[in-house]
C-alpha atoms as a PDB file:
ATOM      1  CA  MET A   1     102.151  21.677 -69.201  1.00  0.00           C
ATOM      2  CA  GLU A   2     105.148  23.111 -67.323  1.00  0.00           C
ATOM      3  CA  ASN A   3     104.321  21.007 -64.271  1.00  0.00           C
ATOM      4  CA  THR A   4     104.211  17.850 -66.400  1.00  0.00           C
ATOM      5  CA  ILE A   5     107.600  18.582 -67.976  1.00  0.00           C
ATOM      6  CA  ALA A   6     109.100  19.427 -64.576  1.00  0.00           C
ATOM      7  CA  PHE A   7     107.744  16.151 -63.170  1.00  0.00           C
ATOM      8  CA  TYR A   8     109.214  14.174 -66.090  1.00  0.00           C
ATOM      9  CA  GLN A   9     112.558  15.934 -65.662  1.00  0.00           C
ATOM     10  CA  GLN A  10     112.667  15.123 -61.961  1.00  0.00           C
ATOM     11  CA  CYS A  11     111.798  11.461 -62.560  1.00  0.00           C
ATOM     12  CA  ILE A  12     114.555  11.122 -65.163  1.00  0.00           C
ATOM     13  CA  LYS A  13     117.116  12.827 -62.931  1.00  0.00           C
ATOM     14  CA  THR A  14     116.183  10.549 -60.022  1.00  0.00           C
ATOM     15  CA  LEU A  15     116.718   7.541 -62.295  1.00  0.00           C
ATOM     16  CA  LEU A  16     120.120   8.740 -63.501  1.00  0.00           C
ATOM     17  CA  GLN A  17     121.519   9.898 -60.140  1.00  0.00           C
ATOM     18  CA  GLU A  18     122.349   6.276 -59.289  1.00  0.00           C
ATOM     19  CA  TYR A  19     125.130   6.422 -61.879  1.00  0.00           C
ATOM     20  CA  GLU A  20     126.817   9.472 -60.391  1.00  0.00           C
ATOM     21  CA  ASN A  21     129.559   7.675 -58.461  1.00  0.00           C
ATOM     22  CA  LEU A  22     130.057   4.606 -60.649  1.00  0.00           C
ATOM     23  CA  GLN A  23     133.546   3.916 -61.889  1.00  0.00           C
ATOM     24  CA  THR A  24     135.841   1.149 -63.043  1.00  0.00           C
ATOM     25  CA  ASN A  25     139.624   0.960 -63.029  1.00  0.00           C
ATOM     26  CA  TYR A  26     139.611   2.651 -66.428  1.00  0.00           C
ATOM     27  CA  SER A  27     136.542   4.873 -66.618  1.00  0.00           C
ATOM     28  CA  HIS A  28     133.829   6.717 -64.728  1.00  0.00           C
ATOM     29  CA  ALA A  29     130.197   7.478 -65.427  1.00  0.00           C
ATOM     30  CA  GLU A  30     129.356  11.085 -66.143  1.00  0.00           C
ATOM     31  CA  ILE A  31     125.794  12.383 -66.018  1.00  0.00           C
ATOM     32  CA  VAL A  32     124.654  15.158 -68.357  1.00  0.00           C
ATOM     33  CA  LEU A  33     121.452  16.897 -67.233  1.00  0.00           C
ATOM     34  CA  ASP A  34     120.178  19.570 -69.639  1.00  0.00           C
ATOM     35  CA  ASP A  35     116.812  20.874 -68.417  1.00  0.00           C
ATOM     36  CA  GLU A  36     116.768  23.693 -70.976  1.00  0.00           C
ATOM     37  CA  ARG A  37     116.761  21.257 -73.904  1.00  0.00           C
ATOM     38  CA  SER A  38     115.284  18.315 -71.938  1.00  0.00           C
ATOM     39  CA  ARG A  39     118.201  15.994 -72.750  1.00  0.00           C
ATOM     40  CA  TYR A  40     119.708  13.577 -70.248  1.00  0.00           C
ATOM     41  CA  LEU A  41     122.665  11.251 -70.698  1.00  0.00           C
ATOM     42  CA  VAL A  42     124.941   8.876 -68.862  1.00  0.00           C
ATOM     43  CA  VAL A  43     128.296   8.414 -70.595  1.00  0.00           C
ATOM     44  CA  TRP A  44     131.337   6.365 -69.663  1.00  0.00           C
ATOM     45  CA  ILE A  45     134.571   8.330 -70.032  1.00  0.00           C
ATOM     46  CA  GLY A  46     138.167   7.291 -69.444  1.00  0.00           C
ATOM     47  CA  TRP A  47     141.274   5.594 -70.785  1.00  0.00           C
ATOM     48  CA  MET A  48     142.351   1.956 -70.994  1.00  0.00           C
ATOM     49  CA  GLN A  49     146.063   2.293 -71.554  1.00  0.00           C
ATOM     50  CA  SER A  50     146.218   4.285 -74.804  1.00  0.00           C
ATOM     51  CA  LYS A  51     142.619   3.558 -75.864  1.00  0.00           C
ATOM     52  CA  ARG A  52     140.000   6.258 -75.271  1.00  0.00           C
ATOM     53  CA  ILE A  53     136.736   5.186 -73.666  1.00  0.00           C
ATOM     54  CA  TYR A  54     133.644   7.206 -74.509  1.00  0.00           C
ATOM     55  CA  HIS A  55     130.375   5.314 -74.513  1.00  0.00           C
ATOM     56  CA  THR A  56     126.779   6.456 -74.184  1.00  0.00           C
ATOM     57  CA  ALA A  57     125.000   4.176 -71.711  1.00  0.00           C
ATOM     58  CA  ILE A  58     121.707   6.094 -71.474  1.00  0.00           C
ATOM     59  CA  HIS A  59     120.193   8.894 -73.561  1.00  0.00           C
ATOM     60  CA  ILE A  60     116.712  10.193 -72.732  1.00  0.00           C
ATOM     61  CA  GLU A  61     114.894  13.219 -74.164  1.00  0.00           C
ATOM     62  CA  ILE A  62     111.555  14.906 -73.549  1.00  0.00           C
ATOM     63  CA  ARG A  63     109.808  16.010 -76.744  1.00  0.00           C
ATOM     64  CA  GLU A  64     106.185  16.995 -77.311  1.00  0.00           C
ATOM     65  CA  GLN A  65     105.192  15.984 -73.756  1.00  0.00           C
ATOM     66  CA  LYS A  66     106.674  12.489 -74.259  1.00  0.00           C
ATOM     67  CA  ILE A  67     109.736  10.775 -72.872  1.00  0.00           C
ATOM     68  CA  ILE A  68     111.881   9.254 -75.617  1.00  0.00           C
ATOM     69  CA  ILE A  69     114.468   6.687 -74.510  1.00  0.00           C
ATOM     70  CA  GLU A  70     116.974   7.082 -77.351  1.00  0.00           C
ATOM     71  CA  CYS A  71     119.579   4.694 -75.948  1.00  0.00           C
ATOM     72  CA  ASN A  72     119.574   2.206 -73.095  1.00  0.00           C
ATOM     73  CA  ASP A  73     122.785   0.191 -73.050  1.00  0.00           C
ATOM     74  CA  THR A  74     122.154  -1.067 -69.521  1.00  0.00           C
ATOM     75  CA  GLU A  75     120.357  -4.051 -68.030  1.00  0.00           C
ATOM     76  CA  ARG A  76     117.789  -1.787 -66.393  1.00  0.00           C
ATOM     77  CA  MET A  77     114.203  -1.544 -67.585  1.00  0.00           C
ATOM     78  CA  LEU A  78     114.136   2.260 -67.710  1.00  0.00           C
ATOM     79  CA  ALA A  79     110.604   2.531 -69.097  1.00  0.00           C
ATOM     80  CA  THR A  80     109.251   0.306 -66.330  1.00  0.00           C
ATOM     81  CA  GLU A  81     111.102   2.313 -63.689  1.00  0.00           C
ATOM     82  CA  LEU A  82     109.653   5.561 -65.056  1.00  0.00           C
ATOM     83  CA  VAL A  83     106.140   4.068 -64.962  1.00  0.00           C
ATOM     84  CA  GLU A  84     106.761   3.061 -61.340  1.00  0.00           C
ATOM     85  CA  GLN A  85     107.539   6.725 -60.620  1.00  0.00           C
ATOM     86  CA  GLY A  86     104.102   7.718 -61.934  1.00  0.00           C
ATOM     87  CA  ILE A  87     104.657   8.483 -65.630  1.00  0.00           C
ATOM     88  CA  PRO A  88     101.905   7.053 -67.859  1.00  0.00           C
ATOM     89  CA  ARG A  89     103.183   4.203 -70.055  1.00  0.00           C
ATOM     90  CA  GLU A  90     101.734   5.828 -73.193  1.00  0.00           C
ATOM     91  CA  LYS A  91     103.990   8.859 -72.599  1.00  0.00           C
ATOM     92  CA  ILE A  92     107.171   6.743 -72.823  1.00  0.00           C
ATOM     93  CA  HIS A  93     108.587   5.749 -76.211  1.00  0.00           C
ATOM     94  CA  LEU A  94     111.601   3.658 -77.192  1.00  0.00           C
ATOM     95  CA  GLY A  95     113.477   5.717 -79.759  1.00  0.00           C
ATOM     96  CA  PHE A  96     115.884   2.874 -80.507  1.00  0.00           C
ATOM     97  CA  VAL A  97     113.089   0.593 -81.819  1.00  0.00           C
ATOM     98  CA  SER A  98     111.950   1.285 -85.395  1.00  0.00           C
ATOM     99  CA  PRO A  99     108.287   2.136 -85.985  1.00  0.00           C
ATOM    100  CA  GLU A 100     108.038  -1.101 -87.994  1.00  0.00           C
ATOM    101  CA  GLY A 101     109.412  -3.047 -85.038  1.00  0.00           C
ATOM    102  CA  LEU A 102     106.844  -1.493 -82.728  1.00  0.00           C
ATOM    103  CA  SER A 103     103.918  -2.160 -85.052  1.00  0.00           C
ATOM    104  CA  CYS A 104     104.745  -5.853 -85.463  1.00  0.00           C
ATOM    105  CA  CYS A 105     104.797  -6.311 -81.693  1.00  0.00           C
ATOM    106  CA  ALA A 106     101.632  -4.357 -80.845  1.00  0.00           C
ATOM    107  CA  ALA A 107      98.818  -6.379 -79.401  1.00  0.00           C
END
């Protein structure tokens, strides 16, 4: 069990590391890696003149041996990328899609 969680954590961190040095004229991406609670985020932080920028781009958690993608406000197919790293598709869930939405689309 510990090895599975550690593997999932490493896969998620590898995915998110690409955001480490991203920035715009007004903001930068900040990565939050919390192995103790198995929570991982990418947030945009900054200022555009007097307007505060704080936006969650990615939020992923590990719960009950499953990866839950709570937020994906990017163009990347995070679930597909995690599968390509060796995580079984049935262990990845989209937390931002309602259970009703998932059931209507199941084949």
